[in-house]
């Protein structure tokens, strides 16, 4: 409950990557976020797709995104990206997604 109050009343912007968006979903309930893909596309590159069911069960909205994409929840001031939820040896793909997350966070707080 205290964490929920801190999230709502401080008016800070937050960014979460990898599995961390589940924290926002669990604390706030109705947030828009991404953990990547919500189903296996047959490549085995999204081994943690099942985590999306948990965030949906808490009332959050999951958006399917690629590793280099983000979701910006303007209502809750939250930016998320899948990062290491995607299984790839190409580290630059994860780096690109985290870079987009930071750019979006700066845009959300008014610094470009």
C-alpha atoms as a PDB file:
ATOM      1  CA  UNK A   1       0.000   0.000   0.000  1.00  0.00           C
ATOM      2  CA  UNK A   2       2.794   2.422   0.858  1.00  0.00           C
ATOM      3  CA  UNK A   3       4.466   1.772  -2.500  1.00  0.00           C
ATOM      4  CA  UNK A   4       1.152   2.456  -4.223  1.00  0.00           C
ATOM      5  CA  UNK A   5       0.861   5.801  -2.440  1.00  0.00           C
ATOM      6  CA  UNK A   6       4.438   6.716  -3.402  1.00  0.00           C
ATOM      7  CA  UNK A   7       3.765   5.908  -7.051  1.00  0.00           C
ATOM      8  CA  UNK A   8       0.545   7.901  -7.234  1.00  0.00           C
ATOM      9  CA  UNK A   9       1.320  10.912  -5.054  1.00  0.00           C
ATOM     10  CA  UNK A  10       4.904  11.710  -6.008  1.00  0.00           C
ATOM     11  CA  UNK A  11       4.197  12.409  -9.686  1.00  0.00           C
ATOM     12  CA  UNK A  12       7.556  10.977 -10.687  1.00  0.00           C
ATOM     13  CA  UNK A  13       8.090   9.265 -14.000  1.00  0.00           C
ATOM     14  CA  UNK A  14       9.355   5.693 -13.950  1.00  0.00           C
ATOM     15  CA  UNK A  15      10.916   3.336 -16.442  1.00  0.00           C
ATOM     16  CA  UNK A  16      10.980  -0.438 -16.182  1.00  0.00           C
ATOM     17  CA  UNK A  17      12.658  -3.039 -18.362  1.00  0.00           C
ATOM     18  CA  UNK A  18      12.894  -6.822 -18.514  1.00  0.00           C
ATOM     19  CA  UNK A  19      10.626  -8.422 -15.871  1.00  0.00           C
ATOM     20  CA  UNK A  20      10.467  -5.223 -13.748  1.00  0.00           C
ATOM     21  CA  UNK A  21       7.202  -3.950 -15.314  1.00  0.00           C
ATOM     22  CA  UNK A  22       5.414  -6.591 -13.241  1.00  0.00           C
ATOM     23  CA  UNK A  23       6.213  -4.456 -10.173  1.00  0.00           C
ATOM     24  CA  UNK A  24       4.251  -1.534 -11.586  1.00  0.00           C
ATOM     25  CA  UNK A  25       1.434  -3.872 -12.595  1.00  0.00           C
ATOM     26  CA  UNK A  26       1.266  -5.459  -9.162  1.00  0.00           C
ATOM     27  CA  UNK A  27       1.395  -2.177  -7.254  1.00  0.00           C
ATOM     28  CA  UNK A  28      -0.769   0.004  -9.493  1.00  0.00           C
ATOM     29  CA  UNK A  29      -2.967  -2.551 -11.230  1.00  0.00           C
ATOM     30  CA  UNK A  30      -4.152  -0.576 -14.230  1.00  0.00           C
ATOM     31  CA  UNK A  31      -1.023   0.338 -16.144  1.00  0.00           C
ATOM     32  CA  UNK A  32      -0.109   0.008 -19.801  1.00  0.00           C
ATOM     33  CA  UNK A  33       3.137  -1.875 -20.289  1.00  0.00           C
ATOM     34  CA  UNK A  34       5.103  -4.390 -22.280  1.00  0.00           C
ATOM     35  CA  UNK A  35       6.981  -7.546 -21.457  1.00  0.00           C
ATOM     36  CA  UNK A  36       7.505  -8.269 -25.141  1.00  0.00           C
ATOM     37  CA  UNK A  37       5.197 -10.806 -26.778  1.00  0.00           C
ATOM     38  CA  UNK A  38       2.285 -12.585 -25.127  1.00  0.00           C
ATOM     39  CA  UNK A  39       2.718 -15.816 -27.071  1.00  0.00           C
ATOM     40  CA  UNK A  40       5.466 -17.955 -28.487  1.00  0.00           C
ATOM     41  CA  UNK A  41       5.965 -17.102 -32.138  1.00  0.00           C
ATOM     42  CA  UNK A  42       7.635 -20.444 -32.796  1.00  0.00           C
ATOM     43  CA  UNK A  43      11.189 -19.095 -32.656  1.00  0.00           C
ATOM     44  CA  UNK A  44      11.685 -19.591 -28.927  1.00  0.00           C
ATOM     45  CA  UNK A  45      12.959 -16.017 -28.669  1.00  0.00           C
ATOM     46  CA  UNK A  46      10.258 -15.023 -26.131  1.00  0.00           C
ATOM     47  CA  UNK A  47      10.695 -17.692 -23.417  1.00  0.00           C
ATOM     48  CA  UNK A  48       8.950 -15.647 -20.699  1.00  0.00           C
ATOM     49  CA  UNK A  49       5.760 -14.846 -22.604  1.00  0.00           C
ATOM     50  CA  UNK A  50       3.705 -16.464 -19.834  1.00  0.00           C
ATOM     51  CA  UNK A  51       4.436 -13.537 -17.500  1.00  0.00           C
ATOM     52  CA  UNK A  52       2.013 -11.438 -19.528  1.00  0.00           C
ATOM     53  CA  UNK A  53      -0.893 -13.431 -18.107  1.00  0.00           C
ATOM     54  CA  UNK A  54       0.025 -12.339 -14.583  1.00  0.00           C
ATOM     55  CA  UNK A  55       0.026  -8.633 -15.414  1.00  0.00           C
ATOM     56  CA  UNK A  56      -3.254  -8.978 -17.270  1.00  0.00           C
ATOM     57  CA  UNK A  57      -4.797 -10.728 -14.264  1.00  0.00           C
ATOM     58  CA  UNK A  58      -3.894  -7.679 -12.138  1.00  0.00           C
ATOM     59  CA  UNK A  59      -5.790  -5.363 -14.487  1.00  0.00           C
ATOM     60  CA  UNK A  60      -2.889  -4.070 -16.552  1.00  0.00           C
ATOM     61  CA  UNK A  61      -2.909  -3.765 -20.322  1.00  0.00           C
ATOM     62  CA  UNK A  62      -0.070  -5.573 -22.057  1.00  0.00           C
ATOM     63  CA  UNK A  63       1.050  -4.361 -25.488  1.00  0.00           C
ATOM     64  CA  UNK A  64       3.004  -6.715 -27.743  1.00  0.00           C
ATOM     65  CA  UNK A  65       6.270  -5.026 -28.630  1.00  0.00           C
ATOM     66  CA  UNK A  66       9.585  -6.053 -30.132  1.00  0.00           C
ATOM     67  CA  UNK A  67      12.785  -5.867 -28.127  1.00  0.00           C
ATOM     68  CA  UNK A  68      13.655  -2.414 -29.476  1.00  0.00           C
ATOM     69  CA  UNK A  69      10.233  -0.849 -28.807  1.00  0.00           C
ATOM     70  CA  UNK A  70       8.621   0.805 -25.787  1.00  0.00           C
ATOM     71  CA  UNK A  71       5.210   1.459 -24.281  1.00  0.00           C
ATOM     72  CA  UNK A  72       4.569   4.880 -22.757  1.00  0.00           C
ATOM     73  CA  UNK A  73       1.745   5.029 -20.217  1.00  0.00           C
ATOM     74  CA  UNK A  74       1.116   8.771 -20.000  1.00  0.00           C
ATOM     75  CA  UNK A  75      -1.583   8.396 -17.358  1.00  0.00           C
ATOM     76  CA  UNK A  76       0.738   6.659 -14.895  1.00  0.00           C
ATOM     77  CA  UNK A  77       3.990   8.241 -16.182  1.00  0.00           C
ATOM     78  CA  UNK A  78       5.575   4.854 -16.882  1.00  0.00           C
ATOM     79  CA  UNK A  79       7.791   3.703 -19.768  1.00  0.00           C
ATOM     80  CA  UNK A  80       8.523   0.009 -20.357  1.00  0.00           C
ATOM     81  CA  UNK A  81      10.585  -2.103 -22.757  1.00  0.00           C
ATOM     82  CA  UNK A  82      11.103  -5.895 -22.976  1.00  0.00           C
ATOM     83  CA  UNK A  83      14.951  -5.917 -22.929  1.00  0.00           C
ATOM     84  CA  UNK A  84      16.151  -9.313 -21.643  1.00  0.00           C
ATOM     85  CA  UNK A  85      12.696 -10.878 -21.911  1.00  0.00           C
ATOM     86  CA  UNK A  86      13.886 -11.481 -25.471  1.00  0.00           C
ATOM     87  CA  UNK A  87      16.449 -14.218 -25.958  1.00  0.00           C
ATOM     88  CA  UNK A  88      19.093 -12.948 -28.340  1.00  0.00           C
ATOM     89  CA  UNK A  89      22.871 -13.088 -28.646  1.00  0.00           C
ATOM     90  CA  UNK A  90      22.683  -9.683 -30.368  1.00  0.00           C
ATOM     91  CA  UNK A  91      23.102  -7.421 -27.365  1.00  0.00           C
ATOM     92  CA  UNK A  92      22.672  -4.259 -29.459  1.00  0.00           C
ATOM     93  CA  UNK A  93      18.957  -5.081 -29.849  1.00  0.00           C
ATOM     94  CA  UNK A  94      18.485  -4.900 -26.088  1.00  0.00           C
ATOM     95  CA  UNK A  95      20.650  -1.792 -25.902  1.00  0.00           C
ATOM     96  CA  UNK A  96      18.509  -0.116 -28.586  1.00  0.00           C
ATOM     97  CA  UNK A  97      15.307  -0.841 -26.665  1.00  0.00           C
ATOM     98  CA  UNK A  98      16.710   0.504 -23.415  1.00  0.00           C
ATOM     99  CA  UNK A  99      17.928   3.592 -25.287  1.00  0.00           C
ATOM    100  CA  UNK A 100      14.396   4.159 -26.602  1.00  0.00           C
ATOM    101  CA  UNK A 101      13.067   3.720 -23.062  1.00  0.00           C
ATOM    102  CA  UNK A 102      15.421   6.430 -21.752  1.00  0.00           C
ATOM    103  CA  UNK A 103      14.573   8.780 -24.645  1.00  0.00           C
ATOM    104  CA  UNK A 104      10.869   8.278 -23.985  1.00  0.00           C
ATOM    105  CA  UNK A 105      11.333   8.835 -20.263  1.00  0.00           C
ATOM    106  CA  UNK A 106      13.174  12.103 -20.908  1.00  0.00           C
ATOM    107  CA  UNK A 107      10.383  13.143 -23.262  1.00  0.00           C
ATOM    108  CA  UNK A 108       7.815  12.300 -20.603  1.00  0.00           C
ATOM    109  CA  UNK A 109       9.495  14.508 -18.033  1.00  0.00           C
ATOM    110  CA  UNK A 110      10.020  17.306 -20.533  1.00  0.00           C
ATOM    111  CA  UNK A 111      13.748  16.987 -21.186  1.00  0.00           C
ATOM    112  CA  UNK A 112      14.716  16.232 -24.763  1.00  0.00           C
END
